[in-house]
Amino acid sequence: MPTVDQVKNKVLRMMAKNYNITTDDDGDVILRHESAACSVSVSEWQPDREGRNTVVVISAPILWEVKRTAALYEWVATTGQSFIFGRTACNVSADSALTNIAFEHNIIGDNLDEPELVATVTALISTANDLDDELQQKFGGKRTIDL
């Protein structure tokens, strides 16, 4: 099975071939599209279990500093879970009255192929780009481009 570093290098090559990217200090790949951004990272996942060793985590922040409300959590728990690729999640904010919303999807990295990665990343960042405007109107907060 490939190591995390081997899969990171493979992801970097595939992403650089298909997108205009940057990387952060951890080696995660960053992609921007209109008002959205997306990161692609690789980590270890259940070593030696059924031969799977790595997971590719694709995450696109939708909104930052959104007021925690019942309506927001209902949307995240219902509509936000109904996408074919990706799901919404509320993540920790520095202010306990606020949350950050992300659109996320994981795929196994050990046998990752380029069409799978490209289709998944494109679907996630495109959906996040649409959702940031829609959800900002409903719930407030800041889009990635607004930071």
Protein backbone atom coordinates (compact mmCIF):
# COMPACT_ATOMS: atom_id res chain seq x y z
CA MET A 1 0.00 0.00 0.00
CA PRO A 2 1.24 3.52 -0.71
CA THR A 3 2.34 5.85 2.04
CA VAL A 4 0.70 9.18 2.88
CA ASP A 5 3.64 11.00 1.25
CA GLN A 6 3.33 8.95 -1.93
CA VAL A 7 -0.39 9.69 -2.20
CA LYS A 8 0.22 13.40 -1.40
CA ASN A 9 2.69 13.57 -4.30
CA LYS A 10 0.26 11.79 -6.60
CA VAL A 11 -2.58 14.17 -5.63
CA LEU A 12 -0.29 17.18 -6.13
CA ARG A 13 0.65 16.01 -9.64
CA MET A 14 -2.96 15.35 -10.64
CA MET A 15 -4.21 18.64 -9.22
CA ALA A 16 -1.41 20.68 -10.84
CA LYS A 17 -2.20 19.06 -14.19
CA ASN A 18 -5.89 20.03 -14.01
CA TYR A 19 -6.10 23.25 -11.97
CA ASN A 20 -4.26 26.42 -11.04
CA ILE A 21 -3.25 25.50 -7.49
CA THR A 22 -1.14 26.55 -4.54
CA THR A 23 0.00 24.58 -1.52
CA ASP A 24 0.08 25.45 2.16
CA ASP A 25 2.79 24.74 4.74
CA ASP A 26 1.40 21.24 5.36
CA GLY A 27 1.54 20.34 1.68
CA ASP A 28 -2.24 20.53 1.27
CA VAL A 29 -3.40 21.61 -2.18
CA ILE A 30 -5.48 24.81 -2.38
CA LEU A 31 -7.76 25.65 -5.30
CA ARG A 32 -9.85 28.80 -5.78
CA HIS A 33 -12.94 29.19 -7.95
CA GLU A 34 -14.89 32.45 -8.07
CA SER A 35 -15.99 33.14 -4.44
CA ALA A 36 -15.03 29.68 -3.14
CA ALA A 37 -11.86 27.84 -2.20
CA CYS A 38 -11.14 24.19 -1.58
CA SER A 39 -8.34 22.25 0.07
CA VAL A 40 -7.24 18.72 -0.69
CA SER A 41 -5.25 16.89 1.97
CA VAL A 42 -4.11 13.33 2.51
CA SER A 43 -3.89 11.52 5.82
CA GLU A 44 -3.46 8.04 7.22
CA TRP A 45 -6.67 6.05 7.60
CA GLN A 46 -7.10 2.67 9.23
CA PRO A 47 -3.74 1.14 8.37
CA ASP A 48 -3.87 -2.56 7.52
CA ARG A 49 -7.67 -2.70 7.58
CA GLU A 50 -8.86 -4.28 4.34
CA GLY A 51 -5.69 -2.98 2.69
CA ARG A 52 -6.71 0.68 3.03
CA ASN A 53 -4.08 3.08 4.25
CA THR A 54 -4.83 6.66 3.10
CA VAL A 55 -7.79 9.00 2.80
CA VAL A 56 -8.05 12.10 0.63
CA VAL A 57 -10.03 14.84 2.39
CA ILE A 58 -11.58 17.50 0.16
CA SER A 59 -13.00 20.47 2.04
CA ALA A 60 -14.48 23.72 0.76
CA PRO A 61 -15.44 26.37 3.32
CA ILE A 62 -18.88 27.75 2.52
CA LEU A 63 -19.36 30.42 5.18
CA TRP A 64 -17.43 31.75 8.16
CA GLU A 65 -18.76 33.23 11.40
CA VAL A 66 -22.40 32.23 10.98
CA LYS A 67 -24.76 32.65 13.93
CA ARG A 68 -25.72 29.28 15.40
CA THR A 69 -29.48 28.86 14.99
CA ALA A 70 -31.95 25.98 14.93
CA ALA A 71 -32.80 26.82 11.31
CA LEU A 72 -29.12 26.60 10.29
CA TYR A 73 -28.61 23.26 12.02
CA GLU A 74 -31.84 21.90 10.51
CA TRP A 75 -30.64 22.88 7.01
CA VAL A 76 -27.20 21.32 7.61
CA ALA A 77 -28.75 18.10 8.99
CA THR A 78 -31.29 17.68 6.18
CA THR A 79 -30.73 19.49 2.89
CA GLY A 80 -26.99 19.77 3.58
CA GLN A 81 -26.65 15.98 3.66
CA SER A 82 -28.51 15.28 0.40
CA PHE A 83 -25.76 15.87 -2.17
CA ILE A 84 -24.32 13.01 -4.23
CA PHE A 85 -20.79 14.32 -3.72
CA GLY A 86 -20.19 16.09 -0.44
CA ARG A 87 -22.03 17.01 2.69
CA THR A 88 -22.21 20.13 4.80
CA ALA A 89 -20.79 20.33 8.29
CA CYS A 90 -20.66 22.98 11.00
CA ASN A 91 -17.17 23.39 12.40
CA VAL A 92 -15.72 25.15 15.42
CA SER A 93 -15.44 28.92 15.44
CA ALA A 94 -13.41 31.09 17.84
CA ASP A 95 -16.72 32.53 19.10
CA SER A 96 -19.04 29.97 20.72
CA ALA A 97 -22.11 31.78 19.32
CA LEU A 98 -20.81 31.33 15.78
CA THR A 99 -19.93 28.42 13.50
CA ASN A 100 -18.16 27.89 10.19
CA ILE A 101 -19.90 25.86 7.48
CA ALA A 102 -17.91 23.62 5.14
CA PHE A 103 -18.71 21.31 2.24
CA GLU A 104 -16.67 18.10 2.60
CA HIS A 105 -16.06 14.74 0.96
CA ASN A 106 -13.54 11.93 1.59
CA ILE A 107 -12.24 9.30 -0.81
CA ILE A 108 -9.81 6.43 -0.32
CA GLY A 109 -6.40 7.45 -1.63
CA ASP A 110 -4.59 4.16 -2.08
CA ASN A 111 -5.92 3.43 -5.57
CA LEU A 112 -6.99 6.95 -6.47
CA ASP A 113 -7.23 7.74 -10.16
CA GLU A 114 -7.20 11.14 -11.83
CA PRO A 115 -10.77 11.19 -13.21
CA GLU A 116 -12.15 10.32 -9.77
CA LEU A 117 -10.19 13.08 -8.04
CA VAL A 118 -10.92 15.72 -10.69
CA ALA A 119 -14.66 14.93 -10.79
CA THR A 120 -14.92 15.04 -7.01
CA VAL A 121 -12.95 18.28 -6.59
CA THR A 122 -14.87 19.97 -9.42
CA ALA A 123 -18.22 18.90 -7.96
CA LEU A 124 -17.28 20.12 -4.47
CA ILE A 125 -15.87 23.50 -5.36
CA SER A 126 -18.67 24.23 -7.84
CA THR A 127 -21.33 23.34 -5.28
CA ALA A 128 -19.58 25.34 -2.55
CA ASN A 129 -19.41 28.31 -4.91
CA ASP A 130 -23.19 28.13 -5.38
CA LEU A 131 -23.98 27.42 -1.73
CA ASP A 132 -21.96 30.31 -0.31
CA ASP A 133 -24.25 32.86 -1.97
CA GLU A 134 -27.46 30.94 -1.24
CA LEU A 135 -26.67 30.28 2.41
CA GLN A 136 -25.29 33.75 3.08
CA GLN A 137 -28.68 35.16 2.12
CA LYS A 138 -30.45 32.72 4.48
CA PHE A 139 -28.07 32.65 7.45
CA GLY A 140 -25.54 35.50 7.14
CA GLY A 141 -21.83 34.99 7.67
CA LYS A 142 -18.87 35.66 5.40
CA ARG A 143 -17.87 33.88 2.19
CA THR A 144 -14.22 32.89 1.73
CA ILE A 145 -13.74 35.67 -0.80
CA ASP A 146 -15.02 38.21 1.78
CA LEU A 147 -12.27 37.43 4.30
